[in-house]
């Protein structure tokens, strides 16, 4: 039988970034994405959560739960979003592998974007 663990996740705000407001917008786009008025997709919102808060160690399922409203959130006086996720040890291992894959994809995309920018600059000069 797998052991279940519950973790408290804290997504902080800063003077330049209001996490509760961003999460509210992301939830709205997740729930109404892909319509004529919203060009964002639920998959894009999940990716934004996973890449936007990599230190939170969230799984794809956690991100779906957070954006769909299945996971209850609280906001403290410092505008920190607080919630709990439950997982097993096996899910933790899968989660680490998933994060590594997303990280590798993001790094490759950044390198390609930089290479394209460098090529454009060469063409302009």
N, C-alpha and C. Protein backbone atom coordinates (compact mmCIF):
# COMPACT_ATOMS: atom_id res chain seq x y z
N UNK A 1 0.84 -1.18 0.00
CA UNK A 1 0.00 0.00 0.00
C UNK A 1 0.89 1.24 0.00
N UNK A 2 0.60 2.17 -0.87
CA UNK A 2 1.40 3.39 -1.01
C UNK A 2 1.11 4.35 0.14
N UNK A 3 2.17 5.00 0.59
CA UNK A 3 2.03 5.99 1.64
C UNK A 3 1.68 7.34 1.02
N UNK A 4 0.63 7.96 1.54
CA UNK A 4 0.19 9.26 1.04
C UNK A 4 0.85 10.35 1.88
N UNK A 5 1.35 11.36 1.21
CA UNK A 5 1.92 12.52 1.90
C UNK A 5 1.21 13.78 1.44
N UNK A 6 1.00 14.69 2.38
CA UNK A 6 0.37 15.97 2.07
C UNK A 6 1.41 17.06 2.23
N UNK A 7 1.50 17.92 1.22
CA UNK A 7 2.45 19.03 1.27
C UNK A 7 1.69 20.35 1.19
N UNK A 8 2.16 21.32 1.95
CA UNK A 8 1.61 22.66 1.83
C UNK A 8 2.44 23.41 0.79
N UNK A 9 1.76 24.01 -0.17
CA UNK A 9 2.41 24.78 -1.22
C UNK A 9 2.12 26.25 -0.99
N UNK A 10 3.16 27.08 -1.12
CA UNK A 10 3.01 28.53 -0.94
C UNK A 10 3.55 29.21 -2.19
N UNK A 11 2.68 29.94 -2.89
CA UNK A 11 3.07 30.70 -4.07
C UNK A 11 3.05 32.18 -3.70
N UNK A 12 4.22 32.77 -3.55
CA UNK A 12 4.31 34.13 -3.06
C UNK A 12 4.10 35.20 -4.11
N UNK A 13 3.75 36.39 -3.64
CA UNK A 13 3.62 37.57 -4.48
C UNK A 13 4.83 38.47 -4.24
N UNK A 14 4.95 39.49 -5.05
CA UNK A 14 5.99 40.50 -4.89
C UNK A 14 5.38 41.85 -5.21
N UNK A 15 6.12 42.94 -5.01
CA UNK A 15 5.56 44.24 -5.38
C UNK A 15 5.21 44.34 -6.87
N UNK A 16 5.83 43.50 -7.69
CA UNK A 16 5.60 43.55 -9.13
C UNK A 16 4.72 42.42 -9.67
N UNK A 17 4.37 41.47 -8.81
CA UNK A 17 3.62 40.31 -9.27
C UNK A 17 2.62 39.90 -8.20
N UNK A 18 1.34 40.01 -8.51
CA UNK A 18 0.26 39.68 -7.57
C UNK A 18 -0.25 38.28 -7.90
N UNK A 19 0.22 37.30 -7.13
CA UNK A 19 -0.10 35.90 -7.41
C UNK A 19 -1.60 35.60 -7.38
N UNK A 20 -2.38 36.09 -6.39
CA UNK A 20 -3.81 35.79 -6.42
C UNK A 20 -4.51 36.30 -7.68
N UNK A 21 -4.13 37.49 -8.15
CA UNK A 21 -4.72 38.02 -9.38
C UNK A 21 -4.33 37.22 -10.60
N UNK A 22 -3.05 36.85 -10.68
CA UNK A 22 -2.58 36.05 -11.81
C UNK A 22 -3.27 34.69 -11.81
N UNK A 23 -3.40 34.08 -10.65
CA UNK A 23 -4.06 32.78 -10.57
C UNK A 23 -5.54 32.90 -10.95
N UNK A 24 -6.19 33.98 -10.55
CA UNK A 24 -7.59 34.19 -10.91
C UNK A 24 -7.72 34.28 -12.44
N UNK A 25 -6.83 35.03 -13.08
CA UNK A 25 -6.84 35.15 -14.54
C UNK A 25 -6.58 33.79 -15.19
N UNK A 26 -5.59 33.06 -14.66
CA UNK A 26 -5.25 31.75 -15.23
C UNK A 26 -6.41 30.77 -15.08
N UNK A 27 -7.10 30.81 -13.94
CA UNK A 27 -8.27 29.94 -13.75
C UNK A 27 -9.35 30.27 -14.77
N UNK A 28 -9.58 31.55 -14.98
CA UNK A 28 -10.60 31.97 -15.95
C UNK A 28 -10.24 31.48 -17.35
N UNK A 29 -8.99 31.67 -17.75
CA UNK A 29 -8.55 31.21 -19.06
C UNK A 29 -8.61 29.69 -19.17
N UNK A 30 -8.27 28.99 -18.11
CA UNK A 30 -8.31 27.52 -18.10
C UNK A 30 -9.74 27.04 -18.31
N UNK A 31 -10.68 27.66 -17.61
CA UNK A 31 -12.06 27.21 -17.65
C UNK A 31 -12.80 27.66 -18.91
N UNK A 32 -12.35 28.75 -19.54
CA UNK A 32 -13.04 29.26 -20.73
C UNK A 32 -12.13 29.26 -21.96
N UNK A 33 -10.97 28.66 -21.86
CA UNK A 33 -10.00 28.68 -22.95
C UNK A 33 -10.49 27.96 -24.19
N UNK A 34 -9.93 28.40 -25.32
CA UNK A 34 -10.27 27.78 -26.58
C UNK A 34 -11.56 28.28 -27.20
N UNK A 35 -12.18 29.28 -26.59
CA UNK A 35 -13.39 29.85 -27.18
C UNK A 35 -12.99 30.98 -28.12
N UNK A 36 -13.98 31.57 -28.77
CA UNK A 36 -13.71 32.64 -29.73
C UNK A 36 -13.02 33.83 -29.07
N UNK A 37 -13.32 34.07 -27.80
CA UNK A 37 -12.76 35.25 -27.13
C UNK A 37 -11.46 34.96 -26.40
N UNK A 38 -11.17 33.69 -26.15
CA UNK A 38 -9.96 33.33 -25.42
C UNK A 38 -9.12 32.40 -26.27
N UNK A 39 -7.97 32.90 -26.68
CA UNK A 39 -7.10 32.08 -27.53
C UNK A 39 -6.21 31.15 -26.72
N UNK A 40 -6.19 31.32 -25.40
CA UNK A 40 -5.39 30.44 -24.56
C UNK A 40 -6.09 29.09 -24.44
N UNK A 41 -5.33 28.08 -24.12
CA UNK A 41 -5.89 26.74 -23.94
C UNK A 41 -5.63 26.29 -22.50
N UNK A 42 -6.41 25.33 -22.03
CA UNK A 42 -6.14 24.79 -20.69
C UNK A 42 -4.72 24.24 -20.57
N UNK A 43 -4.22 23.62 -21.63
CA UNK A 43 -2.87 23.05 -21.60
C UNK A 43 -1.82 24.15 -21.43
N UNK A 44 -2.04 25.30 -22.06
CA UNK A 44 -1.11 26.42 -21.90
C UNK A 44 -1.12 26.92 -20.47
N UNK A 45 -2.29 27.00 -19.86
CA UNK A 45 -2.37 27.47 -18.48
C UNK A 45 -1.67 26.50 -17.53
N UNK A 46 -1.82 25.20 -17.77
CA UNK A 46 -1.13 24.20 -16.94
C UNK A 46 0.38 24.38 -17.07
N UNK A 47 0.83 24.55 -18.29
CA UNK A 47 2.26 24.75 -18.53
C UNK A 47 2.77 26.02 -17.83
N UNK A 48 1.96 27.08 -17.86
CA UNK A 48 2.35 28.32 -17.19
C UNK A 48 2.50 28.12 -15.68
N UNK A 49 1.61 27.33 -15.09
CA UNK A 49 1.73 27.05 -13.66
C UNK A 49 3.00 26.25 -13.38
N UNK A 50 3.24 25.21 -14.16
CA UNK A 50 4.40 24.35 -13.93
C UNK A 50 5.71 25.09 -14.15
N UNK A 51 5.77 25.92 -15.19
CA UNK A 51 7.01 26.64 -15.48
C UNK A 51 7.11 27.94 -14.69
N UNK A 52 5.97 28.51 -14.31
CA UNK A 52 5.98 29.76 -13.56
C UNK A 52 6.39 29.61 -12.11
N UNK A 53 6.10 28.46 -11.54
CA UNK A 53 6.47 28.18 -10.15
C UNK A 53 7.19 26.84 -10.08
N UNK A 54 8.38 26.72 -10.68
CA UNK A 54 9.06 25.43 -10.70
C UNK A 54 9.47 24.95 -9.32
N UNK A 55 9.73 25.85 -8.41
CA UNK A 55 10.13 25.47 -7.06
C UNK A 55 9.01 24.86 -6.24
N UNK A 56 7.77 25.00 -6.71
CA UNK A 56 6.63 24.43 -5.99
C UNK A 56 6.53 22.92 -6.17
N UNK A 57 7.24 22.37 -7.16
CA UNK A 57 7.26 20.93 -7.42
C UNK A 57 5.86 20.37 -7.63
N UNK A 58 5.06 21.04 -8.44
CA UNK A 58 3.70 20.59 -8.72
C UNK A 58 3.70 19.59 -9.86
N UNK A 59 2.75 18.66 -9.81
CA UNK A 59 2.54 17.73 -10.92
C UNK A 59 1.52 18.34 -11.87
N UNK A 60 1.38 17.73 -13.03
CA UNK A 60 0.37 18.17 -13.98
C UNK A 60 -1.02 18.07 -13.36
N UNK A 61 -1.26 17.00 -12.60
CA UNK A 61 -2.56 16.82 -11.95
C UNK A 61 -2.80 17.91 -10.91
N UNK A 62 -1.75 18.31 -10.18
CA UNK A 62 -1.87 19.40 -9.21
C UNK A 62 -2.27 20.69 -9.93
N UNK A 63 -1.61 20.96 -11.05
CA UNK A 63 -1.90 22.18 -11.80
C UNK A 63 -3.34 22.17 -12.31
N UNK A 64 -3.79 21.03 -12.84
CA UNK A 64 -5.19 20.92 -13.29
C UNK A 64 -6.14 21.17 -12.13
N UNK A 65 -5.86 20.58 -10.97
CA UNK A 65 -6.72 20.78 -9.80
C UNK A 65 -6.74 22.22 -9.33
N UNK A 66 -5.59 22.86 -9.37
CA UNK A 66 -5.49 24.26 -8.96
C UNK A 66 -6.27 25.17 -9.90
N UNK A 67 -6.15 24.93 -11.20
CA UNK A 67 -6.81 25.78 -12.18
C UNK A 67 -8.30 25.50 -12.33
N UNK A 68 -8.70 24.27 -12.08
CA UNK A 68 -10.12 23.93 -12.22
C UNK A 68 -10.92 24.34 -11.00
N UNK A 69 -10.24 24.60 -9.89
CA UNK A 69 -10.92 24.95 -8.66
C UNK A 69 -11.14 23.76 -7.74
N UNK A 70 -10.68 22.58 -8.16
CA UNK A 70 -10.83 21.39 -7.31
C UNK A 70 -9.98 21.49 -6.05
N UNK A 71 -8.86 22.20 -6.13
CA UNK A 71 -8.00 22.41 -4.98
C UNK A 71 -8.39 23.76 -4.37
N UNK A 72 -8.70 23.73 -3.09
CA UNK A 72 -9.08 24.95 -2.38
C UNK A 72 -7.83 25.74 -2.03
N UNK A 73 -7.88 27.05 -2.31
CA UNK A 73 -6.75 27.90 -1.97
C UNK A 73 -7.14 28.90 -0.89
N UNK A 74 -6.13 29.35 -0.17
CA UNK A 74 -6.28 30.43 0.80
C UNK A 74 -5.25 31.48 0.44
N UNK A 75 -5.54 32.73 0.78
CA UNK A 75 -4.60 33.82 0.54
C UNK A 75 -4.34 34.50 1.88
N UNK A 76 -3.04 34.62 2.24
CA UNK A 76 -2.72 35.25 3.52
C UNK A 76 -2.59 36.77 3.37
N UNK A 77 -2.21 37.44 4.44
CA UNK A 77 -2.11 38.91 4.44
C UNK A 77 -1.02 39.44 3.52
N UNK A 78 -0.07 38.60 3.16
CA UNK A 78 1.02 39.01 2.26
C UNK A 78 0.74 38.63 0.81
N UNK A 79 -0.52 38.29 0.50
CA UNK A 79 -0.93 37.88 -0.85
C UNK A 79 -0.21 36.62 -1.32
N UNK A 80 0.09 35.73 -0.38
CA UNK A 80 0.66 34.43 -0.71
C UNK A 80 -0.49 33.44 -0.86
N UNK A 81 -0.51 32.72 -1.99
CA UNK A 81 -1.53 31.69 -2.23
C UNK A 81 -1.05 30.42 -1.55
N UNK A 82 -1.91 29.83 -0.71
CA UNK A 82 -1.55 28.64 0.07
C UNK A 82 -2.57 27.54 -0.21
N UNK A 83 -2.07 26.34 -0.48
CA UNK A 83 -2.95 25.19 -0.70
C UNK A 83 -2.18 23.92 -0.40
N UNK A 84 -2.90 22.81 -0.33
CA UNK A 84 -2.27 21.52 -0.03
C UNK A 84 -2.49 20.55 -1.18
N UNK A 85 -1.47 19.73 -1.44
CA UNK A 85 -1.58 18.65 -2.42
C UNK A 85 -1.18 17.35 -1.75
N UNK A 86 -1.79 16.27 -2.16
CA UNK A 86 -1.50 14.95 -1.62
C UNK A 86 -0.98 14.06 -2.74
N UNK A 87 0.09 13.32 -2.45
CA UNK A 87 0.65 12.42 -3.46
C UNK A 87 1.31 11.23 -2.78
N UNK A 88 1.67 10.25 -3.60
CA UNK A 88 2.39 9.07 -3.11
C UNK A 88 3.86 9.20 -3.50
N UNK A 89 4.70 8.33 -2.99
CA UNK A 89 6.12 8.34 -3.33
C UNK A 89 6.32 8.09 -4.82
N UNK A 90 5.50 7.20 -5.40
CA UNK A 90 5.61 6.90 -6.82
C UNK A 90 5.27 8.14 -7.65
N UNK A 91 4.24 8.86 -7.23
CA UNK A 91 3.87 10.09 -7.94
C UNK A 91 4.99 11.12 -7.83
N UNK A 92 5.66 11.16 -6.70
CA UNK A 92 6.78 12.08 -6.52
C UNK A 92 7.90 11.81 -7.51
N UNK A 93 8.19 10.52 -7.74
CA UNK A 93 9.24 10.16 -8.70
C UNK A 93 8.82 10.56 -10.11
N UNK A 94 7.56 10.30 -10.47
CA UNK A 94 7.07 10.70 -11.78
C UNK A 94 7.09 12.22 -11.94
N UNK A 95 6.75 12.90 -10.88
CA UNK A 95 6.72 14.37 -10.88
C UNK A 95 8.12 14.92 -11.16
N UNK A 96 9.15 14.35 -10.53
CA UNK A 96 10.52 14.81 -10.76
C UNK A 96 10.92 14.59 -12.22
N UNK A 97 10.57 13.44 -12.77
CA UNK A 97 10.89 13.16 -14.17
C UNK A 97 10.15 14.12 -15.10
N UNK A 98 8.90 14.41 -14.78
CA UNK A 98 8.11 15.34 -15.59
C UNK A 98 8.73 16.74 -15.57
N UNK A 99 9.14 17.21 -14.39
CA UNK A 99 9.75 18.54 -14.27
C UNK A 99 11.05 18.61 -15.07
N UNK A 100 11.84 17.54 -15.02
CA UNK A 100 13.09 17.52 -15.76
C UNK A 100 12.83 17.62 -17.26
N UNK A 101 11.81 16.90 -17.74
CA UNK A 101 11.45 16.95 -19.16
C UNK A 101 10.99 18.34 -19.55
N UNK A 102 10.13 18.96 -18.73
CA UNK A 102 9.65 20.32 -19.01
C UNK A 102 10.83 21.28 -19.00
N UNK A 103 11.73 21.12 -18.04
CA UNK A 103 12.91 21.99 -17.97
C UNK A 103 13.80 21.86 -19.19
N UNK A 104 14.02 20.63 -19.65
CA UNK A 104 14.83 20.41 -20.84
C UNK A 104 14.18 21.03 -22.05
N UNK A 105 12.85 20.91 -22.19
CA UNK A 105 12.13 21.50 -23.30
C UNK A 105 12.26 23.02 -23.27
N UNK A 106 12.08 23.61 -22.09
CA UNK A 106 12.17 25.06 -21.94
C UNK A 106 13.57 25.56 -22.29
N UNK A 107 14.60 24.84 -21.82
CA UNK A 107 15.97 25.23 -22.11
C UNK A 107 16.25 25.16 -23.61
N UNK A 108 15.79 24.10 -24.26
CA UNK A 108 15.99 23.96 -25.70
C UNK A 108 15.27 25.08 -26.46
N UNK A 109 14.06 25.39 -26.03
CA UNK A 109 13.30 26.45 -26.68
C UNK A 109 14.00 27.79 -26.52
N UNK A 110 14.55 28.06 -25.34
CA UNK A 110 15.28 29.31 -25.11
C UNK A 110 16.50 29.39 -26.02
N UNK A 111 17.22 28.28 -26.17
CA UNK A 111 18.40 28.27 -27.03
C UNK A 111 18.02 28.53 -28.47
N UNK A 112 16.93 27.90 -28.94
CA UNK A 112 16.48 28.12 -30.31
C UNK A 112 16.03 29.56 -30.52
N UNK A 113 15.33 30.12 -29.55
CA UNK A 113 14.88 31.49 -29.64
C UNK A 113 16.08 32.43 -29.70
N UNK A 114 17.08 32.19 -28.87
CA UNK A 114 18.28 33.03 -28.87
C UNK A 114 19.03 32.88 -30.18
N UNK A 115 19.11 31.67 -30.71
CA UNK A 115 19.80 31.46 -31.99
C UNK A 115 19.08 32.21 -33.11
N UNK A 116 17.77 32.17 -33.11
CA UNK A 116 16.99 32.90 -34.12
C UNK A 116 17.19 34.39 -34.01
N UNK A 117 17.24 34.90 -32.79
CA UNK A 117 17.47 36.32 -32.56
C UNK A 117 18.87 36.71 -33.05
N UNK A 118 19.86 35.90 -32.72
CA UNK A 118 21.22 36.19 -33.16
C UNK A 118 21.31 36.21 -34.68
N UNK A 119 20.62 35.28 -35.35
CA UNK A 119 20.63 35.23 -36.82
C UNK A 119 20.00 36.49 -37.39
N UNK A 120 18.87 36.93 -36.84
CA UNK A 120 18.20 38.16 -37.31
C UNK A 120 19.12 39.37 -37.16
N UNK A 121 19.83 39.43 -36.03
CA UNK A 121 20.74 40.56 -35.81
C UNK A 121 21.87 40.56 -36.83
N UNK A 122 22.38 39.38 -37.18
CA UNK A 122 23.43 39.29 -38.20
C UNK A 122 22.90 39.76 -39.54
N UNK A 123 21.67 39.36 -39.88
CA UNK A 123 21.07 39.76 -41.16
C UNK A 123 20.86 41.27 -41.24
N UNK A 124 20.54 41.89 -40.11
CA UNK A 124 20.28 43.33 -40.10
C UNK A 124 21.57 44.14 -40.25
N UNK A 125 22.69 43.56 -39.81
CA UNK A 125 23.98 44.30 -39.87
C UNK A 125 24.71 44.05 -41.12
